[in-house]
Amino acid sequence: MALTKPERRARIKKRIRKTITGSSETPRLSVFRSNKEIYAQLIDDVSGKTLASASSLGDKEAHKGSKIDQAGVVGKKLAAAAKIAGHESVVFDRNGYLYHGRVKSLAEAARENGLKF
């Protein structure tokens, strides 16, 4: 029997999270995308805290252009927030999504603005 989309994503997410964990030195960059918005946060899994975050929610600059452009703006904002928090290298958690489109745009924008992963 075929899996539904959420079941498939949950299975991929579980497989990814077996190998990826964030620490205070190299936090996990987790991405969540809804139909309208995109969210990203740096997470220290050891202490269970969010170190920095950025989203397109309520950001007028992010809502200019397509959703792929929106993800790029969020990637820039997250890289700036990570620098302020003192983090330069991260591990990327695509959260069960394919590395394509909005997720790829966010990752590339974060890399261009100084995050290493």
PDB file of N, CA and C in Angstrom:
ATOM      1  N   MET A   1       0.837  -1.189   0.000  1.00  0.00           N
ATOM      2  CA  MET A   1       0.000   0.000   0.000  1.00  0.00           C
ATOM      3  C   MET A   1       0.880   1.249   0.000  1.00  0.00           C
ATOM      4  N   ALA A   2       0.507   2.238  -0.773  1.00  0.00           N
ATOM      5  CA  ALA A   2       1.297   3.459  -0.897  1.00  0.00           C
ATOM      6  C   ALA A   2       1.135   4.341   0.346  1.00  0.00           C
ATOM      7  N   LEU A   3       2.201   5.036   0.671  1.00  0.00           N
ATOM      8  CA  LEU A   3       2.176   5.959   1.801  1.00  0.00           C
ATOM      9  C   LEU A   3       1.545   7.281   1.379  1.00  0.00           C
ATOM     10  N   THR A   4       0.908   7.953   2.344  1.00  0.00           N
ATOM     11  CA  THR A   4       0.428   9.301   2.074  1.00  0.00           C
ATOM     12  C   THR A   4       1.629  10.247   2.151  1.00  0.00           C
ATOM     13  N   LYS A   5       1.434  11.470   1.698  1.00  0.00           N
ATOM     14  CA  LYS A   5       2.529  12.438   1.716  1.00  0.00           C
ATOM     15  C   LYS A   5       3.073  12.676   3.132  1.00  0.00           C
ATOM     16  N   PRO A   6       2.207  12.915   4.139  1.00  0.00           N
ATOM     17  CA  PRO A   6       2.737  13.121   5.496  1.00  0.00           C
ATOM     18  C   PRO A   6       3.447  11.881   6.061  1.00  0.00           C
ATOM     19  N   GLU A   7       2.951  10.704   5.746  1.00  0.00           N
ATOM     20  CA  GLU A   7       3.604   9.476   6.220  1.00  0.00           C
ATOM     21  C   GLU A   7       4.984   9.321   5.593  1.00  0.00           C
ATOM     22  N   ARG A   8       5.066   9.617   4.301  1.00  0.00           N
ATOM     23  CA  ARG A   8       6.344   9.530   3.601  1.00  0.00           C
ATOM     24  C   ARG A   8       7.342  10.512   4.183  1.00  0.00           C
ATOM     25  N   ARG A   9       6.903  11.758   4.430  1.00  0.00           N
ATOM     26  CA  ARG A   9       7.784  12.776   4.991  1.00  0.00           C
ATOM     27  C   ARG A   9       8.237  12.388   6.393  1.00  0.00           C
ATOM     28  N   ALA A  10       7.318  11.827   7.191  1.00  0.00           N
ATOM     29  CA  ALA A  10       7.672  11.398   8.548  1.00  0.00           C
ATOM     30  C   ALA A  10       8.727  10.295   8.510  1.00  0.00           C
ATOM     31  N   ARG A  11       8.618   9.385   7.559  1.00  0.00           N
ATOM     32  CA  ARG A  11       9.592   8.297   7.437  1.00  0.00           C
ATOM     33  C   ARG A  11      10.968   8.845   7.056  1.00  0.00           C
ATOM     34  N   ILE A  12      10.992   9.777   6.091  1.00  0.00           N
ATOM     35  CA  ILE A  12      12.259  10.387   5.676  1.00  0.00           C
ATOM     36  C   ILE A  12      12.857  11.182   6.829  1.00  0.00           C
ATOM     37  N   LYS A  13      12.011  11.928   7.538  1.00  0.00           N
ATOM     38  CA  LYS A  13      12.460  12.755   8.664  1.00  0.00           C
ATOM     39  C   LYS A  13      13.113  11.889   9.741  1.00  0.00           C
ATOM     40  N   LYS A  14      12.499  10.758  10.045  1.00  0.00           N
ATOM     41  CA  LYS A  14      13.034   9.842  11.052  1.00  0.00           C
ATOM     42  C   LYS A  14      14.399   9.301  10.618  1.00  0.00           C
ATOM     43  N   ARG A  15      14.519   8.986   9.349  1.00  0.00           N
ATOM     44  CA  ARG A  15      15.777   8.464   8.817  1.00  0.00           C
ATOM     45  C   ARG A  15      16.889   9.522   8.902  1.00  0.00           C
ATOM     46  N   ILE A  16      16.544  10.788   8.620  1.00  0.00           N
ATOM     47  CA  ILE A  16      17.526  11.874   8.684  1.00  0.00           C
ATOM     48  C   ILE A  16      17.951  12.128  10.127  1.00  0.00           C
ATOM     49  N   ARG A  17      16.977  12.173  11.039  1.00  0.00           N
ATOM     50  CA  ARG A  17      17.260  12.535  12.426  1.00  0.00           C
ATOM     51  C   ARG A  17      18.033  11.453  13.188  1.00  0.00           C
ATOM     52  N   LYS A  18      18.110  10.238  12.622  1.00  0.00           N
ATOM     53  CA  LYS A  18      18.948   9.211  13.252  1.00  0.00           C
ATOM     54  C   LYS A  18      20.412   9.624  13.241  1.00  0.00           C
ATOM     55  N   THR A  19      20.817  10.319  12.180  1.00  0.00           N
ATOM     56  CA  THR A  19      22.224  10.655  12.015  1.00  0.00           C
ATOM     57  C   THR A  19      22.562  12.101  12.352  1.00  0.00           C
ATOM     58  N   ILE A  20      21.595  13.002  12.324  1.00  0.00           N
ATOM     59  CA  ILE A  20      21.871  14.431  12.528  1.00  0.00           C
ATOM     60  C   ILE A  20      21.424  14.864  13.917  1.00  0.00           C
ATOM     61  N   THR A  21      22.364  15.424  14.677  1.00  0.00           N
ATOM     62  CA  THR A  21      22.012  16.070  15.948  1.00  0.00           C
ATOM     63  C   THR A  21      22.782  17.374  16.040  1.00  0.00           C
ATOM     64  N   GLY A  22      22.195  18.333  16.703  1.00  0.00           N
ATOM     65  CA  GLY A  22      22.835  19.622  16.870  1.00  0.00           C
ATOM     66  C   GLY A  22      23.417  19.748  18.259  1.00  0.00           C
ATOM     67  N   SER A  23      24.532  20.456  18.369  1.00  0.00           N
ATOM     68  CA  SER A  23      25.146  20.715  19.661  1.00  0.00           C
ATOM     69  C   SER A  23      25.328  22.220  19.799  1.00  0.00           C
ATOM     70  N   SER A  24      25.892  22.643  20.914  1.00  0.00           N
ATOM     71  CA  SER A  24      26.077  24.083  21.098  1.00  0.00           C
ATOM     72  C   SER A  24      27.155  24.616  20.151  1.00  0.00           C
ATOM     73  N   GLU A  25      28.138  23.763  19.755  1.00  0.00           N
ATOM     74  CA  GLU A  25      29.163  24.205  18.812  1.00  0.00           C
ATOM     75  C   GLU A  25      28.628  24.210  17.384  1.00  0.00           C
ATOM     76  N   THR A  26      27.933  23.147  16.987  1.00  0.00           N
ATOM     77  CA  THR A  26      27.354  23.062  15.642  1.00  0.00           C
ATOM     78  C   THR A  26      25.868  22.751  15.763  1.00  0.00           C
ATOM     79  N   PRO A  27      25.031  23.778  15.856  1.00  0.00           N
ATOM     80  CA  PRO A  27      23.593  23.545  15.999  1.00  0.00           C
ATOM     81  C   PRO A  27      22.979  22.994  14.714  1.00  0.00           C
ATOM     82  N   ARG A  28      21.789  22.453  14.857  1.00  0.00           N
ATOM     83  CA  ARG A  28      21.045  21.892  13.728  1.00  0.00           C
ATOM     84  C   ARG A  28      20.184  22.985  13.119  1.00  0.00           C
ATOM     85  N   LEU A  29      20.296  23.197  11.805  1.00  0.00           N
ATOM     86  CA  LEU A  29      19.465  24.168  11.101  1.00  0.00           C
ATOM     87  C   LEU A  29      18.247  23.408  10.583  1.00  0.00           C
ATOM     88  N   SER A  30      17.123  23.600  11.228  1.00  0.00           N
ATOM     89  CA  SER A  30      15.894  22.904  10.873  1.00  0.00           C
ATOM     90  C   SER A  30      14.994  23.821  10.060  1.00  0.00           C
ATOM     91  N   VAL A  31      14.435  23.276   8.990  1.00  0.00           N
ATOM     92  CA  VAL A  31      13.582  24.034   8.078  1.00  0.00           C
ATOM     93  C   VAL A  31      12.165  23.478   8.140  1.00  0.00           C
ATOM     94  N   PHE A  32      11.177  24.374   8.220  1.00  0.00           N
ATOM     95  CA  PHE A  32       9.779  23.966   8.103  1.00  0.00           C
ATOM     96  C   PHE A  32       9.122  24.873   7.080  1.00  0.00           C
ATOM     97  N   ARG A  33       8.381  24.271   6.154  1.00  0.00           N
ATOM     98  CA  ARG A  33       7.671  25.086   5.176  1.00  0.00           C
ATOM     99  C   ARG A  33       6.192  24.728   5.219  1.00  0.00           C
ATOM    100  N   SER A  34       5.382  25.764   5.273  1.00  0.00           N
ATOM    101  CA  SER A  34       3.940  25.580   5.145  1.00  0.00           C
ATOM    102  C   SER A  34       3.567  25.997   3.727  1.00  0.00           C
ATOM    103  N   ASN A  35       2.282  26.017   3.439  1.00  0.00           N
ATOM    104  CA  ASN A  35       1.872  26.418   2.095  1.00  0.00           C
ATOM    105  C   ASN A  35       2.157  27.886   1.818  1.00  0.00           C
ATOM    106  N   LYS A  36       2.143  28.725   2.857  1.00  0.00           N
ATOM    107  CA  LYS A  36       2.333  30.162   2.656  1.00  0.00           C
ATOM    108  C   LYS A  36       3.663  30.689   3.169  1.00  0.00           C
ATOM    109  N   GLU A  37       4.189  30.126   4.238  1.00  0.00           N
ATOM    110  CA  GLU A  37       5.368  30.676   4.916  1.00  0.00           C
ATOM    111  C   GLU A  37       6.495  29.649   4.933  1.00  0.00           C
ATOM    112  N   ILE A  38       7.687  30.114   5.387  1.00  0.00           N
ATOM    113  CA  ILE A  38       8.821  29.217   5.616  1.00  0.00           C
ATOM    114  C   ILE A  38       9.521  29.665   6.890  1.00  0.00           C
ATOM    115  N   TYR A  39       9.950  28.706   7.681  1.00  0.00           N
ATOM    116  CA  TYR A  39      10.556  28.959   8.980  1.00  0.00           C
ATOM    117  C   TYR A  39      11.866  28.203   9.063  1.00  0.00           C
ATOM    118  N   ALA A  40      12.852  28.776   9.760  1.00  0.00           N
ATOM    119  CA  ALA A  40      14.124  28.097   9.981  1.00  0.00           C
ATOM    120  C   ALA A  40      14.616  28.448  11.372  1.00  0.00           C
ATOM    121  N   GLN A  41      15.226  27.471  12.031  1.00  0.00           N
ATOM    122  CA  GLN A  41      15.781  27.746  13.348  1.00  0.00           C
ATOM    123  C   GLN A  41      17.034  26.921  13.592  1.00  0.00           C
ATOM    124  N   LEU A  42      17.915  27.469  14.435  1.00  0.00           N
ATOM    125  CA  LEU A  42      19.109  26.760  14.869  1.00  0.00           C
ATOM    126  C   LEU A  42      18.806  26.153  16.230  1.00  0.00           C
ATOM    127  N   ILE A  43      18.997  24.837  16.350  1.00  0.00           N
ATOM    128  CA  ILE A  43      18.600  24.113  17.550  1.00  0.00           C
ATOM    129  C   ILE A  43      19.798  23.404  18.157  1.00  0.00           C
ATOM    130  N   ASP A  44      19.960  23.545  19.469  1.00  0.00           N
ATOM    131  CA  ASP A  44      20.933  22.767  20.238  1.00  0.00           C
ATOM    132  C   ASP A  44      20.164  21.600  20.837  1.00  0.00           C
ATOM    133  N   ASP A  45      20.334  20.405  20.265  1.00  0.00           N
ATOM    134  CA  ASP A  45      19.574  19.235  20.709  1.00  0.00           C
ATOM    135  C   ASP A  45      20.011  18.726  22.077  1.00  0.00           C
ATOM    136  N   VAL A  46      21.245  19.023  22.483  1.00  0.00           N
ATOM    137  CA  VAL A  46      21.737  18.550  23.775  1.00  0.00           C
ATOM    138  C   VAL A  46      20.972  19.229  24.911  1.00  0.00           C
ATOM    139  N   SER A  47      20.827  20.557  24.828  1.00  0.00           N
ATOM    140  CA  SER A  47      20.104  21.285  25.868  1.00  0.00           C
ATOM    141  C   SER A  47      18.641  21.514  25.513  1.00  0.00           C
ATOM    142  N   GLY A  48      18.254  21.229  24.264  1.00  0.00           N
ATOM    143  CA  GLY A  48      16.867  21.389  23.843  1.00  0.00           C
ATOM    144  C   GLY A  48      16.441  22.833  23.679  1.00  0.00           C
ATOM    145  N   LYS A  49      17.365  23.684  23.228  1.00  0.00           N
ATOM    146  CA  LYS A  49      17.056  25.106  23.095  1.00  0.00           C
ATOM    147  C   LYS A  49      17.216  25.577  21.659  1.00  0.00           C
ATOM    148  N   THR A  50      16.409  26.566  21.312  1.00  0.00           N
ATOM    149  CA  THR A  50      16.536  27.240  20.014  1.00  0.00           C
ATOM    150  C   THR A  50      17.502  28.404  20.194  1.00  0.00           C
ATOM    151  N   LEU A  51      18.549  28.446  19.380  1.00  0.00           N
ATOM    152  CA  LEU A  51      19.588  29.462  19.515  1.00  0.00           C
ATOM    153  C   LEU A  51      19.322  30.686  18.641  1.00  0.00           C
ATOM    154  N   ALA A  52      18.723  30.487  17.488  1.00  0.00           N
ATOM    155  CA  ALA A  52      18.388  31.591  16.585  1.00  0.00           C
ATOM    156  C   ALA A  52      17.279  31.107  15.659  1.00  0.00           C
ATOM    157  N   SER A  53      16.461  32.047  15.193  1.00  0.00           N
ATOM    158  CA  SER A  53      15.390  31.661  14.277  1.00  0.00           C
ATOM    159  C   SER A  53      15.074  32.802  13.328  1.00  0.00           C
ATOM    160  N   ALA A  54      14.428  32.439  12.226  1.00  0.00           N
ATOM    161  CA  ALA A  54      13.978  33.418  11.241  1.00  0.00           C
ATOM    162  C   ALA A  54      12.788  32.822  10.509  1.00  0.00           C
ATOM    163  N   SER A  55      11.859  33.689  10.118  1.00  0.00           N
ATOM    164  CA  SER A  55      10.715  33.203   9.355  1.00  0.00           C
ATOM    165  C   SER A  55      10.206  34.305   8.446  1.00  0.00           C
ATOM    166  N   SER A  56       9.351  33.908   7.529  1.00  0.00           N
ATOM    167  CA  SER A  56       8.758  34.870   6.608  1.00  0.00           C
ATOM    168  C   SER A  56       7.462  35.443   7.169  1.00  0.00           C
ATOM    169  N   LEU A  57       7.023  34.935   8.291  1.00  0.00           N
ATOM    170  CA  LEU A  57       5.758  35.350   8.883  1.00  0.00           C
ATOM    171  C   LEU A  57       5.820  36.819   9.303  1.00  0.00           C
ATOM    172  N   GLY A  58       4.957  37.631   8.742  1.00  0.00           N
ATOM    173  CA  GLY A  58       4.893  39.045   9.103  1.00  0.00           C
ATOM    174  C   GLY A  58       6.034  39.887   8.562  1.00  0.00           C
ATOM    175  N   ASP A  59       6.818  39.366   7.645  1.00  0.00           N
ATOM    176  CA  ASP A  59       7.936  40.106   7.074  1.00  0.00           C
ATOM    177  C   ASP A  59       7.540  40.619   5.689  1.00  0.00           C
ATOM    178  N   LYS A  60       7.355  41.930   5.585  1.00  0.00           N
ATOM    179  CA  LYS A  60       6.913  42.510   4.312  1.00  0.00           C
ATOM    180  C   LYS A  60       7.970  42.339   3.214  1.00  0.00           C
ATOM    181  N   GLU A  61       9.256  42.410   3.587  1.00  0.00           N
ATOM    182  CA  GLU A  61      10.325  42.255   2.597  1.00  0.00           C
ATOM    183  C   GLU A  61      10.304  40.849   1.991  1.00  0.00           C
ATOM    184  N   ALA A  62      10.004  39.846   2.818  1.00  0.00           N
ATOM    185  CA  ALA A  62      10.005  38.459   2.345  1.00  0.00           C
ATOM    186  C   ALA A  62       8.847  38.183   1.392  1.00  0.00           C
ATOM    187  N   HIS A  63       7.756  38.907   1.522  1.00  0.00           N
ATOM    188  CA  HIS A  63       6.582  38.616   0.704  1.00  0.00           C
ATOM    189  C   HIS A  63       6.597  39.304  -0.657  1.00  0.00           C
ATOM    190  N   LYS A  64       7.726  39.928  -1.003  1.00  0.00           N
ATOM    191  CA  LYS A  64       7.873  40.470  -2.356  1.00  0.00           C
ATOM    192  C   LYS A  64       8.468  39.367  -3.217  1.00  0.00           C
ATOM    193  N   GLY A  65       7.862  39.073  -4.310  1.00  0.00           N
ATOM    194  CA  GLY A  65       8.382  38.044  -5.200  1.00  0.00           C
ATOM    195  C   GLY A  65       7.772  36.683  -4.915  1.00  0.00           C
ATOM    196  N   SER A  66       8.415  35.655  -5.457  1.00  0.00           N
ATOM    197  CA  SER A  66       7.895  34.292  -5.337  1.00  0.00           C
ATOM    198  C   SER A  66       8.247  33.687  -3.974  1.00  0.00           C
ATOM    199  N   LYS A  67       7.731  32.492  -3.722  1.00  0.00           N
ATOM    200  CA  LYS A  67       8.031  31.808  -2.472  1.00  0.00           C
ATOM    201  C   LYS A  67       9.484  31.364  -2.414  1.00  0.00           C
ATOM    202  N   ILE A  68      10.105  31.146  -3.569  1.00  0.00           N
ATOM    203  CA  ILE A  68      11.529  30.796  -3.591  1.00  0.00           C
ATOM    204  C   ILE A  68      12.359  32.018  -3.185  1.00  0.00           C
ATOM    205  N   ASP A  69      11.970  33.201  -3.648  1.00  0.00           N
ATOM    206  CA  ASP A  69      12.639  34.434  -3.234  1.00  0.00           C
ATOM    207  C   ASP A  69      12.430  34.665  -1.738  1.00  0.00           C
ATOM    208  N   GLN A  70      11.236  34.365  -1.276  1.00  0.00           N
ATOM    209  CA  GLN A  70      10.889  34.493   0.141  1.00  0.00           C
ATOM    210  C   GLN A  70      11.830  33.627   0.989  1.00  0.00           C
ATOM    211  N   ALA A  71      12.092  32.408   0.546  1.00  0.00           N
ATOM    212  CA  ALA A  71      12.981  31.504   1.279  1.00  0.00           C
ATOM    213  C   ALA A  71      14.404  32.047   1.310  1.00  0.00           C
ATOM    214  N   GLY A  72      14.834  32.677   0.228  1.00  0.00           N
ATOM    215  CA  GLY A  72      16.158  33.276   0.193  1.00  0.00           C
ATOM    216  C   GLY A  72      16.310  34.395   1.215  1.00  0.00           C
ATOM    217  N   VAL A  73      15.278  35.216   1.368  1.00  0.00           N
ATOM    218  CA  VAL A  73      15.300  36.296   2.357  1.00  0.00           C
ATOM    219  C   VAL A  73      15.391  35.709   3.768  1.00  0.00           C
ATOM    220  N   VAL A  74      14.651  34.637   4.027  1.00  0.00           N
ATOM    221  CA  VAL A  74      14.689  33.992   5.345  1.00  0.00           C
ATOM    222  C   VAL A  74      16.073  33.400   5.604  1.00  0.00           C
ATOM    223  N   GLY A  75      16.712  32.828   4.584  1.00  0.00           N
ATOM    224  CA  GLY A  75      18.065  32.306   4.729  1.00  0.00           C
ATOM    225  C   GLY A  75      19.059  33.391   5.107  1.00  0.00           C
ATOM    226  N   LYS A  76      18.941  34.571   4.484  1.00  0.00           N
ATOM    227  CA  LYS A  76      19.801  35.706   4.832  1.00  0.00           C
ATOM    228  C   LYS A  76      19.578  36.136   6.272  1.00  0.00           C
ATOM    229  N   LYS A  77      18.299  36.243   6.670  1.00  0.00           N
ATOM    230  CA  LYS A  77      17.977  36.664   8.033  1.00  0.00           C
ATOM    231  C   LYS A  77      18.512  35.664   9.061  1.00  0.00           C
ATOM    232  N   LEU A  78      18.413  34.374   8.744  1.00  0.00           N
ATOM    233  CA  LEU A  78      18.895  33.358   9.677  1.00  0.00           C
ATOM    234  C   LEU A  78      20.412  33.424   9.817  1.00  0.00           C
ATOM    235  N   ALA A  79      21.123  33.631   8.702  1.00  0.00           N
ATOM    236  CA  ALA A  79      22.580  33.738   8.764  1.00  0.00           C
ATOM    237  C   ALA A  79      23.000  34.929   9.618  1.00  0.00           C
ATOM    238  N   ALA A  80      22.286  36.045   9.491  1.00  0.00           N
ATOM    239  CA  ALA A  80      22.588  37.224  10.310  1.00  0.00           C
ATOM    240  C   ALA A  80      22.312  36.952  11.783  1.00  0.00           C
ATOM    241  N   ALA A  81      21.189  36.277  12.072  1.00  0.00           N
ATOM    242  CA  ALA A  81      20.858  35.950  13.459  1.00  0.00           C
ATOM    243  C   ALA A  81      21.864  34.967  14.048  1.00  0.00           C
ATOM    244  N   ALA A  82      22.369  34.045  13.225  1.00  0.00           N
ATOM    245  CA  ALA A  82      23.363  33.073  13.698  1.00  0.00           C
ATOM    246  C   ALA A  82      24.678  33.767  14.028  1.00  0.00           C
ATOM    247  N   LYS A  83      25.072  34.754  13.205  1.00  0.00           N
ATOM    248  CA  LYS A  83      26.305  35.498  13.483  1.00  0.00           C
ATOM    249  C   LYS A  83      26.187  36.252  14.796  1.00  0.00           C
ATOM    250  N   ILE A  84      25.025  36.857  15.038  1.00  0.00           N
ATOM    251  CA  ILE A  84      24.801  37.586  16.291  1.00  0.00           C
ATOM    252  C   ILE A  84      24.878  36.625  17.480  1.00  0.00           C
ATOM    253  N   ALA A  85      24.331  35.417  17.314  1.00  0.00           N
ATOM    254  CA  ALA A  85      24.356  34.420  18.378  1.00  0.00           C
ATOM    255  C   ALA A  85      25.721  33.750  18.506  1.00  0.00           C
ATOM    256  N   GLY A  86      26.635  34.002  17.556  1.00  0.00           N
ATOM    257  CA  GLY A  86      27.985  33.473  17.633  1.00  0.00           C
ATOM    258  C   GLY A  86      28.159  32.088  17.039  1.00  0.00           C
ATOM    259  N   HIS A  87      27.364  31.747  16.040  1.00  0.00           N
ATOM    260  CA  HIS A  87      27.467  30.434  15.410  1.00  0.00           C
ATOM    261  C   HIS A  87      27.802  30.607  13.937  1.00  0.00           C
ATOM    262  N   GLU A  88      28.811  29.836  13.498  1.00  0.00           N
ATOM    263  CA  GLU A  88      29.238  29.943  12.112  1.00  0.00           C
ATOM    264  C   GLU A  88      29.001  28.658  11.334  1.00  0.00           C
ATOM    265  N   SER A  89      29.151  27.504  11.985  1.00  0.00           N
ATOM    266  CA  SER A  89      28.944  26.247  11.281  1.00  0.00           C
ATOM    267  C   SER A  89      27.742  25.513  11.885  1.00  0.00           C
ATOM    268  N   VAL A  90      26.957  24.898  11.011  1.00  0.00           N
ATOM    269  CA  VAL A  90      25.733  24.203  11.420  1.00  0.00           C
ATOM    270  C   VAL A  90      25.623  22.887  10.663  1.00  0.00           C
ATOM    271  N   VAL A  91      24.704  22.028  11.094  1.00  0.00           N
ATOM    272  CA  VAL A  91      24.347  20.849  10.316  1.00  0.00           C
ATOM    273  C   VAL A  91      22.945  21.079   9.776  1.00  0.00           C
ATOM    274  N   PHE A  92      22.729  20.746   8.515  1.00  0.00           N
ATOM    275  CA  PHE A  92      21.475  21.074   7.846  1.00  0.00           C
ATOM    276  C   PHE A  92      20.475  19.935   7.979  1.00  0.00           C
ATOM    277  N   ASP A  93      19.290  20.245   8.487  1.00  0.00           N
ATOM    278  CA  ASP A  93      18.203  19.282   8.621  1.00  0.00           C
ATOM    279  C   ASP A  93      17.073  19.739   7.713  1.00  0.00           C
ATOM    280  N   ARG A  94      16.906  19.063   6.581  1.00  0.00           N
ATOM    281  CA  ARG A  94      15.870  19.468   5.637  1.00  0.00           C
ATOM    282  C   ARG A  94      14.498  18.999   6.071  1.00  0.00           C
ATOM    283  N   ASN A  95      14.419  18.263   7.173  1.00  0.00           N
ATOM    284  CA  ASN A  95      13.156  17.945   7.847  1.00  0.00           C
ATOM    285  C   ASN A  95      12.209  17.099   6.995  1.00  0.00           C
ATOM    286  N   GLY A  96      12.764  16.207   6.175  1.00  0.00           N
ATOM    287  CA  GLY A  96      11.925  15.333   5.366  1.00  0.00           C
ATOM    288  C   GLY A  96      11.540  15.902   4.019  1.00  0.00           C
ATOM    289  N   TYR A  97      11.878  17.163   3.765  1.00  0.00           N
ATOM    290  CA  TYR A  97      11.579  17.766   2.466  1.00  0.00           C
ATOM    291  C   TYR A  97      12.711  17.454   1.506  1.00  0.00           C
ATOM    292  N   LEU A  98      12.409  17.438   0.216  1.00  0.00           N
ATOM    293  CA  LEU A  98      13.454  17.264  -0.780  1.00  0.00           C
ATOM    294  C   LEU A  98      14.317  18.518  -0.847  1.00  0.00           C
ATOM    295  N   TYR A  99      15.609  18.354  -1.124  1.00  0.00           N
ATOM    296  CA  TYR A  99      16.504  19.497  -1.262  1.00  0.00           C
ATOM    297  C   TYR A  99      16.275  20.097  -2.643  1.00  0.00           C
ATOM    298  N   HIS A 100      15.234  20.898  -2.744  1.00  0.00           N
ATOM    299  CA  HIS A 100      14.786  21.416  -4.016  1.00  0.00           C
ATOM    300  C   HIS A 100      13.892  22.619  -3.740  1.00  0.00           C
ATOM    301  N   GLY A 101      13.871  23.587  -4.627  1.00  0.00           N
ATOM    302  CA  GLY A 101      12.935  24.703  -4.507  1.00  0.00           C
ATOM    303  C   GLY A 101      13.219  25.594  -3.317  1.00  0.00           C
ATOM    304  N   ARG A 102      12.226  25.741  -2.451  1.00  0.00           N
ATOM    305  CA  ARG A 102      12.329  26.663  -1.318  1.00  0.00           C
ATOM    306  C   ARG A 102      13.392  26.252  -0.316  1.00  0.00           C
ATOM    307  N   VAL A 103      13.510  24.950  -0.054  1.00  0.00           N
ATOM    308  CA  VAL A 103      14.505  24.464   0.904  1.00  0.00           C
ATOM    309  C   VAL A 103      15.912  24.734   0.368  1.00  0.00           C
ATOM    310  N   LYS A 104      16.122  24.485  -0.904  1.00  0.00           N
ATOM    311  CA  LYS A 104      17.417  24.733  -1.532  1.00  0.00           C
ATOM    312  C   LYS A 104      17.744  26.220  -1.535  1.00  0.00           C
ATOM    313  N   SER A 105      16.757  27.055  -1.827  1.00  0.00           N
ATOM    314  CA  SER A 105      16.951  28.505  -1.855  1.00  0.00           C
ATOM    315  C   SER A 105      17.363  29.034  -0.481  1.00  0.00           C
ATOM    316  N   LEU A 106      16.698  28.559   0.561  1.00  0.00           N
ATOM    317  CA  LEU A 106      17.033  28.964   1.931  1.00  0.00           C
ATOM    318  C   LEU A 106      18.457  28.542   2.270  1.00  0.00           C
ATOM    319  N   ALA A 107      18.825  27.300   1.953  1.00  0.00           N
ATOM    320  CA  ALA A 107      20.156  26.798   2.272  1.00  0.00           C
ATOM    321  C   ALA A 107      21.244  27.575   1.541  1.00  0.00           C
ATOM    322  N   GLU A 108      21.034  27.846   0.253  1.00  0.00           N
ATOM    323  CA  GLU A 108      22.044  28.563  -0.519  1.00  0.00           C
ATOM    324  C   GLU A 108      22.205  29.998  -0.039  1.00  0.00           C
ATOM    325  N   ALA A 109      21.101  30.652   0.324  1.00  0.00           N
ATOM    326  CA  ALA A 109      21.178  32.021   0.837  1.00  0.00           C
ATOM    327  C   ALA A 109      21.905  32.054   2.181  1.00  0.00           C
ATOM    328  N   ALA A 110      21.677  31.050   3.021  1.00  0.00           N
ATOM    329  CA  ALA A 110      22.366  30.990   4.313  1.00  0.00           C
ATOM    330  C   ALA A 110      23.869  30.770   4.091  1.00  0.00           C
ATOM    331  N   ARG A 111      24.232  29.917   3.139  1.00  0.00           N
ATOM    332  CA  ARG A 111      25.647  29.673   2.828  1.00  0.00           C
ATOM    333  C   ARG A 111      26.321  30.946   2.303  1.00  0.00           C
ATOM    334  N   GLU A 112      25.641  31.651   1.402  1.00  0.00           N
ATOM    335  CA  GLU A 112      26.211  32.868   0.815  1.00  0.00           C
ATOM    336  C   GLU A 112      26.430  33.951   1.856  1.00  0.00           C
ATOM    337  N   ASN A 113      25.661  33.906   2.929  1.00  0.00           N
ATOM    338  CA  ASN A 113      25.781  34.940   3.957  1.00  0.00           C
ATOM    339  C   ASN A 113      26.571  34.484   5.175  1.00  0.00           C
ATOM    340  N   GLY A 114      27.372  33.433   5.025  1.00  0.00           N
ATOM    341  CA  GLY A 114      28.359  33.110   6.057  1.00  0.00           C
ATOM    342  C   GLY A 114      28.161  31.842   6.853  1.00  0.00           C
ATOM    343  N   LEU A 115      27.059  31.134   6.726  1.00  0.00           N
ATOM    344  CA  LEU A 115      26.912  29.885   7.465  1.00  0.00           C
ATOM    345  C   LEU A 115      27.637  28.771   6.715  1.00  0.00           C
ATOM    346  N   LYS A 116      28.292  27.887   7.475  1.00  0.00           N
ATOM    347  CA  LYS A 116      29.003  26.768   6.861  1.00  0.00           C
ATOM    348  C   LYS A 116      28.304  25.479   7.195  1.00  0.00           C
ATOM    349  N   PHE A 117      27.921  24.704   6.168  1.00  0.00           N
ATOM    350  CA  PHE A 117      27.367  23.362   6.337  1.00  0.00           C
ATOM    351  C   PHE A 117      27.469  22.571   5.065  1.00  0.00           C
TER     352      PHE A 117
END
